N, C-alpha and C. Protein backbone atom coordinates (compact mmCIF):
# COMPACT_ATOMS: atom_id res chain seq x y z
N MET A 1 35.20 -2.88 -16.63
CA MET A 1 35.32 -4.15 -17.29
C MET A 1 35.55 -3.91 -18.77
N GLY A 2 36.62 -4.41 -19.33
CA GLY A 2 36.96 -4.20 -20.72
C GLY A 2 36.20 -5.13 -21.64
N LEU A 3 36.33 -4.84 -22.92
CA LEU A 3 35.62 -5.62 -23.93
C LEU A 3 36.01 -7.09 -23.90
N MET A 4 37.32 -7.35 -23.80
CA MET A 4 37.75 -8.76 -23.79
C MET A 4 37.26 -9.47 -22.54
N SER A 5 37.17 -8.77 -21.40
CA SER A 5 36.64 -9.40 -20.20
C SER A 5 35.19 -9.77 -20.39
N LYS A 6 34.44 -8.93 -21.12
CA LYS A 6 33.03 -9.25 -21.38
C LYS A 6 32.92 -10.46 -22.30
N ILE A 7 33.78 -10.53 -23.28
CA ILE A 7 33.74 -11.65 -24.22
C ILE A 7 34.20 -12.93 -23.54
N LEU A 8 35.32 -12.84 -22.83
CA LEU A 8 35.91 -14.01 -22.23
C LEU A 8 35.31 -14.37 -20.89
N GLY A 9 34.67 -13.41 -20.24
CA GLY A 9 34.14 -13.64 -18.91
C GLY A 9 35.15 -13.25 -17.87
N GLU A 10 34.70 -13.27 -16.63
CA GLU A 10 35.58 -12.91 -15.51
C GLU A 10 36.62 -13.99 -15.28
N SER A 11 37.49 -13.75 -14.30
CA SER A 11 38.50 -14.74 -13.99
C SER A 11 37.87 -16.07 -13.63
N GLY A 12 38.54 -17.13 -13.90
CA GLY A 12 37.98 -18.45 -13.68
C GLY A 12 37.47 -19.04 -14.98
N SER A 13 37.38 -18.24 -16.02
CA SER A 13 36.95 -18.75 -17.32
C SER A 13 38.07 -19.58 -17.92
N SER A 14 37.73 -20.59 -18.66
CA SER A 14 38.75 -21.45 -19.27
C SER A 14 39.28 -20.86 -20.55
N ARG A 15 38.71 -19.76 -21.01
CA ARG A 15 39.17 -19.15 -22.25
C ARG A 15 40.16 -18.03 -21.96
N ALA A 16 41.07 -17.85 -22.88
CA ALA A 16 42.07 -16.79 -22.76
C ALA A 16 42.11 -16.03 -24.07
N THR A 17 42.67 -14.86 -24.03
CA THR A 17 42.77 -14.03 -25.24
C THR A 17 43.47 -14.79 -26.36
N GLU A 18 44.43 -15.63 -26.02
CA GLU A 18 45.15 -16.39 -27.04
C GLU A 18 44.28 -17.42 -27.76
N ASP A 19 43.11 -17.73 -27.19
CA ASP A 19 42.20 -18.69 -27.82
C ASP A 19 41.48 -18.11 -29.01
N TYR A 20 41.58 -16.79 -29.21
CA TYR A 20 40.86 -16.13 -30.29
C TYR A 20 41.83 -15.77 -31.40
N VAL A 21 41.34 -15.79 -32.60
CA VAL A 21 42.17 -15.50 -33.77
C VAL A 21 41.75 -14.17 -34.36
N GLU A 22 42.70 -13.30 -34.60
CA GLU A 22 42.46 -12.03 -35.25
C GLU A 22 42.15 -12.30 -36.72
N LEU A 23 40.97 -11.86 -37.16
CA LEU A 23 40.58 -12.05 -38.55
C LEU A 23 40.98 -10.83 -39.35
N SER A 24 41.50 -11.08 -40.53
CA SER A 24 41.96 -9.99 -41.38
C SER A 24 41.09 -9.92 -42.63
N ALA A 25 40.78 -8.71 -43.02
CA ALA A 25 40.00 -8.52 -44.25
C ALA A 25 40.90 -8.57 -45.48
N ASP A 26 42.21 -8.76 -45.28
CA ASP A 26 43.14 -8.81 -46.41
C ASP A 26 42.84 -9.94 -47.37
N ASP A 27 42.21 -11.02 -46.85
CA ASP A 27 41.90 -12.16 -47.68
C ASP A 27 40.66 -11.96 -48.54
N LEU A 28 39.90 -10.91 -48.31
CA LEU A 28 38.69 -10.66 -49.06
C LEU A 28 39.00 -10.10 -50.43
N ASP A 29 38.09 -10.30 -51.34
CA ASP A 29 38.23 -9.77 -52.69
C ASP A 29 38.23 -8.25 -52.63
N ASP A 30 39.25 -7.62 -53.26
CA ASP A 30 39.35 -6.17 -53.26
C ASP A 30 38.21 -5.50 -54.04
N ALA A 31 37.49 -6.25 -54.86
CA ALA A 31 36.43 -5.68 -55.69
C ALA A 31 35.17 -5.39 -54.87
N VAL A 32 35.12 -5.83 -53.65
CA VAL A 32 33.92 -5.64 -52.83
C VAL A 32 33.89 -4.16 -52.40
N GLU A 33 32.76 -3.52 -52.74
CA GLU A 33 32.57 -2.13 -52.33
C GLU A 33 31.61 -2.09 -51.16
N VAL A 34 31.87 -1.22 -50.22
CA VAL A 34 31.01 -1.10 -49.06
C VAL A 34 30.43 0.30 -49.02
N ASP A 35 29.18 0.39 -48.53
CA ASP A 35 28.53 1.67 -48.39
C ASP A 35 28.79 2.28 -47.04
N ARG A 36 28.95 1.43 -46.03
CA ARG A 36 29.20 1.91 -44.68
C ARG A 36 30.09 0.94 -43.95
N GLN A 37 30.67 1.42 -42.86
CA GLN A 37 31.56 0.60 -42.04
C GLN A 37 31.10 0.68 -40.58
N VAL A 38 31.54 -0.31 -39.81
CA VAL A 38 31.40 -0.24 -38.37
C VAL A 38 32.73 0.28 -37.85
N ARG A 39 32.70 1.43 -37.20
CA ARG A 39 33.91 2.07 -36.71
C ARG A 39 33.97 1.91 -35.19
N ILE A 40 35.14 1.74 -34.65
CA ILE A 40 35.36 1.60 -33.21
C ILE A 40 36.05 2.87 -32.73
N ALA A 41 35.56 3.43 -31.63
CA ALA A 41 36.12 4.68 -31.10
C ALA A 41 36.24 4.60 -29.59
N ARG A 42 37.04 5.49 -29.07
CA ARG A 42 37.19 5.64 -27.62
C ARG A 42 36.96 7.13 -27.31
N ILE A 43 36.06 7.40 -26.39
CA ILE A 43 35.82 8.78 -26.00
C ILE A 43 36.56 9.03 -24.69
N GLY A 44 37.67 9.71 -24.80
CA GLY A 44 38.46 10.07 -23.64
C GLY A 44 38.30 11.54 -23.31
N GLU A 45 38.18 12.33 -24.35
CA GLU A 45 38.03 13.79 -24.20
C GLU A 45 36.94 14.27 -25.13
N LYS A 46 36.49 15.47 -24.86
CA LYS A 46 35.38 16.04 -25.62
C LYS A 46 35.69 16.12 -27.13
N GLN A 47 36.93 16.40 -27.48
CA GLN A 47 37.27 16.54 -28.91
C GLN A 47 37.23 15.22 -29.68
N ASP A 48 37.18 14.08 -28.95
CA ASP A 48 37.06 12.78 -29.62
C ASP A 48 35.73 12.64 -30.34
N VAL A 49 34.76 13.47 -29.96
CA VAL A 49 33.42 13.41 -30.54
C VAL A 49 33.42 13.86 -32.00
N VAL A 50 34.36 14.73 -32.38
CA VAL A 50 34.41 15.28 -33.72
C VAL A 50 34.53 14.16 -34.78
N GLU A 51 35.44 13.24 -34.56
CA GLU A 51 35.62 12.13 -35.53
C GLU A 51 34.40 11.22 -35.55
N ILE A 52 33.76 11.03 -34.40
CA ILE A 52 32.57 10.18 -34.35
C ILE A 52 31.45 10.84 -35.14
N LYS A 53 31.26 12.14 -34.95
CA LYS A 53 30.23 12.85 -35.69
C LYS A 53 30.50 12.76 -37.19
N ASP A 54 31.75 12.97 -37.61
CA ASP A 54 32.09 12.87 -39.03
C ASP A 54 31.77 11.49 -39.60
N ALA A 55 32.08 10.46 -38.82
CA ALA A 55 31.81 9.08 -39.28
C ALA A 55 30.32 8.85 -39.45
N VAL A 56 29.51 9.32 -38.50
CA VAL A 56 28.06 9.14 -38.59
C VAL A 56 27.51 9.94 -39.77
N TYR A 57 27.97 11.15 -39.96
CA TYR A 57 27.55 11.94 -41.12
C TYR A 57 27.92 11.24 -42.43
N ASP A 58 29.04 10.51 -42.43
CA ASP A 58 29.47 9.78 -43.63
C ASP A 58 28.71 8.46 -43.83
N GLY A 59 27.84 8.11 -42.85
CA GLY A 59 27.03 6.89 -42.99
C GLY A 59 27.58 5.69 -42.27
N ASP A 60 28.58 5.86 -41.42
CA ASP A 60 29.17 4.73 -40.71
C ASP A 60 28.47 4.52 -39.36
N ILE A 61 28.59 3.31 -38.85
CA ILE A 61 28.12 2.93 -37.53
C ILE A 61 29.30 3.03 -36.59
N VAL A 62 29.11 3.61 -35.41
CA VAL A 62 30.22 3.78 -34.45
C VAL A 62 29.88 3.12 -33.13
N VAL A 63 30.81 2.30 -32.66
CA VAL A 63 30.75 1.71 -31.32
C VAL A 63 31.84 2.43 -30.53
N ALA A 64 31.41 3.24 -29.53
CA ALA A 64 32.36 4.07 -28.79
C ALA A 64 32.51 3.58 -27.34
N ASP A 65 33.73 3.40 -26.95
CA ASP A 65 34.08 3.02 -25.57
C ASP A 65 34.05 4.27 -24.72
N ILE A 66 33.21 4.26 -23.66
CA ILE A 66 33.10 5.43 -22.78
C ILE A 66 33.54 5.10 -21.36
N THR A 67 34.37 4.07 -21.20
CA THR A 67 34.76 3.65 -19.86
C THR A 67 35.52 4.72 -19.07
N ARG A 68 36.07 5.71 -19.74
CA ARG A 68 36.81 6.77 -19.03
C ARG A 68 35.86 7.74 -18.35
N HIS A 69 34.57 7.64 -18.61
CA HIS A 69 33.59 8.56 -18.03
C HIS A 69 32.53 7.76 -17.30
N SER A 70 32.03 8.32 -16.20
CA SER A 70 30.87 7.70 -15.57
C SER A 70 29.63 8.24 -16.27
N THR A 71 28.53 7.52 -16.18
CA THR A 71 27.32 7.96 -16.86
C THR A 71 26.76 9.22 -16.21
N GLN A 72 27.18 9.54 -15.00
CA GLN A 72 26.72 10.73 -14.29
C GLN A 72 27.65 11.94 -14.54
N ASP A 73 28.74 11.73 -15.23
CA ASP A 73 29.72 12.75 -15.50
C ASP A 73 29.12 13.85 -16.38
N ARG A 74 29.33 15.12 -16.00
CA ARG A 74 28.77 16.25 -16.78
C ARG A 74 29.35 16.26 -18.20
N THR A 75 30.61 15.91 -18.33
CA THR A 75 31.20 15.85 -19.68
C THR A 75 30.50 14.80 -20.51
N MET A 76 30.20 13.65 -19.91
CA MET A 76 29.51 12.58 -20.63
C MET A 76 28.10 13.00 -21.02
N GLU A 77 27.45 13.75 -20.15
CA GLU A 77 26.10 14.26 -20.50
C GLU A 77 26.18 15.17 -21.71
N HIS A 78 27.19 16.06 -21.74
CA HIS A 78 27.36 16.96 -22.86
C HIS A 78 27.68 16.18 -24.14
N ILE A 79 28.55 15.21 -24.03
CA ILE A 79 28.91 14.38 -25.20
C ILE A 79 27.68 13.64 -25.72
N SER A 80 26.91 13.04 -24.82
CA SER A 80 25.69 12.31 -25.22
C SER A 80 24.71 13.24 -25.91
N ASP A 81 24.50 14.44 -25.36
CA ASP A 81 23.58 15.40 -25.96
C ASP A 81 24.04 15.79 -27.37
N GLU A 82 25.34 15.99 -27.52
CA GLU A 82 25.89 16.37 -28.83
C GLU A 82 25.67 15.24 -29.85
N LEU A 83 25.92 14.01 -29.41
CA LEU A 83 25.74 12.87 -30.33
C LEU A 83 24.26 12.64 -30.63
N LYS A 84 23.38 12.89 -29.68
CA LYS A 84 21.93 12.77 -29.91
C LYS A 84 21.48 13.77 -30.96
N ARG A 85 22.05 14.99 -30.92
CA ARG A 85 21.70 16.00 -31.94
C ARG A 85 22.11 15.52 -33.33
N VAL A 86 23.30 14.92 -33.43
CA VAL A 86 23.78 14.40 -34.72
C VAL A 86 22.83 13.31 -35.22
N VAL A 87 22.47 12.39 -34.34
CA VAL A 87 21.58 11.30 -34.70
C VAL A 87 20.22 11.83 -35.18
N ASN A 88 19.70 12.85 -34.48
CA ASN A 88 18.43 13.45 -34.90
C ASN A 88 18.57 14.12 -36.27
N GLU A 89 19.69 14.76 -36.53
CA GLU A 89 19.91 15.42 -37.81
C GLU A 89 19.94 14.44 -38.97
N VAL A 90 20.60 13.29 -38.76
CA VAL A 90 20.75 12.34 -39.86
C VAL A 90 19.65 11.28 -39.88
N GLY A 91 18.82 11.22 -38.83
CA GLY A 91 17.77 10.21 -38.77
C GLY A 91 18.28 8.85 -38.36
N GLY A 92 19.32 8.84 -37.53
CA GLY A 92 19.90 7.58 -37.10
C GLY A 92 19.38 7.15 -35.73
N ASP A 93 20.23 6.45 -34.98
CA ASP A 93 19.84 5.91 -33.67
C ASP A 93 21.06 5.92 -32.76
N ILE A 94 20.80 5.98 -31.46
CA ILE A 94 21.88 5.95 -30.47
C ILE A 94 21.38 5.20 -29.24
N VAL A 95 22.24 4.40 -28.67
CA VAL A 95 21.88 3.67 -27.45
C VAL A 95 23.15 3.51 -26.61
N GLN A 96 22.97 3.55 -25.29
CA GLN A 96 24.08 3.26 -24.40
C GLN A 96 23.97 1.83 -23.98
N LYS A 97 25.03 1.05 -24.19
CA LYS A 97 25.08 -0.35 -23.80
C LYS A 97 25.84 -0.46 -22.50
N ASP A 98 25.13 -0.87 -21.46
CA ASP A 98 25.71 -0.95 -20.13
C ASP A 98 26.33 0.42 -19.76
N ASP A 99 27.40 0.42 -19.02
CA ASP A 99 28.05 1.67 -18.64
C ASP A 99 29.30 1.97 -19.42
N ASP A 100 29.57 1.17 -20.46
CA ASP A 100 30.85 1.34 -21.10
C ASP A 100 30.84 1.58 -22.62
N GLN A 101 29.66 1.56 -23.26
CA GLN A 101 29.65 1.75 -24.71
C GLN A 101 28.45 2.58 -25.17
N LEU A 102 28.68 3.37 -26.21
CA LEU A 102 27.63 4.00 -26.96
C LEU A 102 27.66 3.39 -28.35
N ILE A 103 26.49 3.14 -28.91
CA ILE A 103 26.40 2.68 -30.28
C ILE A 103 25.61 3.76 -31.02
N ILE A 104 26.21 4.30 -32.08
CA ILE A 104 25.63 5.41 -32.82
C ILE A 104 25.50 4.98 -34.27
N THR A 105 24.31 5.16 -34.86
CA THR A 105 24.11 4.73 -36.24
C THR A 105 23.60 5.89 -37.11
N PRO A 106 23.83 5.80 -38.40
CA PRO A 106 23.32 6.79 -39.35
C PRO A 106 21.89 6.45 -39.77
N ALA A 107 21.38 7.21 -40.68
CA ALA A 107 20.03 6.96 -41.22
C ALA A 107 19.93 5.55 -41.79
N GLY A 108 18.78 4.94 -41.62
CA GLY A 108 18.55 3.64 -42.19
C GLY A 108 19.00 2.47 -41.33
N VAL A 109 19.58 2.74 -40.17
CA VAL A 109 20.03 1.69 -39.27
C VAL A 109 19.45 1.94 -37.88
N ALA A 110 18.60 1.02 -37.44
CA ALA A 110 18.03 1.12 -36.08
C ALA A 110 18.72 0.12 -35.19
N ILE A 111 18.73 0.43 -33.89
CA ILE A 111 19.35 -0.46 -32.90
C ILE A 111 18.23 -1.09 -32.10
N SER A 112 18.16 -2.40 -32.11
CA SER A 112 17.16 -3.12 -31.33
C SER A 112 17.51 -3.00 -29.86
N ARG A 113 16.50 -2.79 -29.05
CA ARG A 113 16.72 -2.69 -27.61
C ARG A 113 16.56 -4.05 -26.93
N GLU A 114 16.40 -5.11 -27.70
CA GLU A 114 16.26 -6.45 -27.15
C GLU A 114 17.49 -7.28 -27.53
N ARG A 115 17.98 -8.02 -26.57
CA ARG A 115 19.14 -8.88 -26.82
C ARG A 115 18.68 -10.15 -27.56
N LEU A 116 19.53 -10.65 -28.42
CA LEU A 116 19.23 -11.92 -29.07
C LEU A 116 19.23 -13.05 -28.05
N GLY A 117 18.35 -14.01 -28.24
CA GLY A 117 18.29 -15.16 -27.33
C GLY A 117 17.53 -14.88 -26.06
N GLN A 118 16.88 -13.75 -25.96
CA GLN A 118 16.12 -13.43 -24.74
C GLN A 118 14.66 -13.80 -24.93
């Protein structure tokens, strides 16, 4: 199940991708400085982890799509272990959301294990 399917719901939903508007940061004041970013990644192969590690070391938050791997996949176990080591080194946090995403944060950012509205 892809990200848009989760947002829009399964078939039978009255919403479609066209109902959403892509927001651009181009309209924001260029003088705004940011300390960290939320980065989006896809883990398809083991080498994809390198950029994720670099981003976390730089202080960014990463939401990684892991739909190409099952949670029981040995490659996914190795990738998770490697990312856990990075998180321990920087004092960040990591959580797997359902079977399709990892959220990895740097120091100073914790991930709540409770959903809003619950």
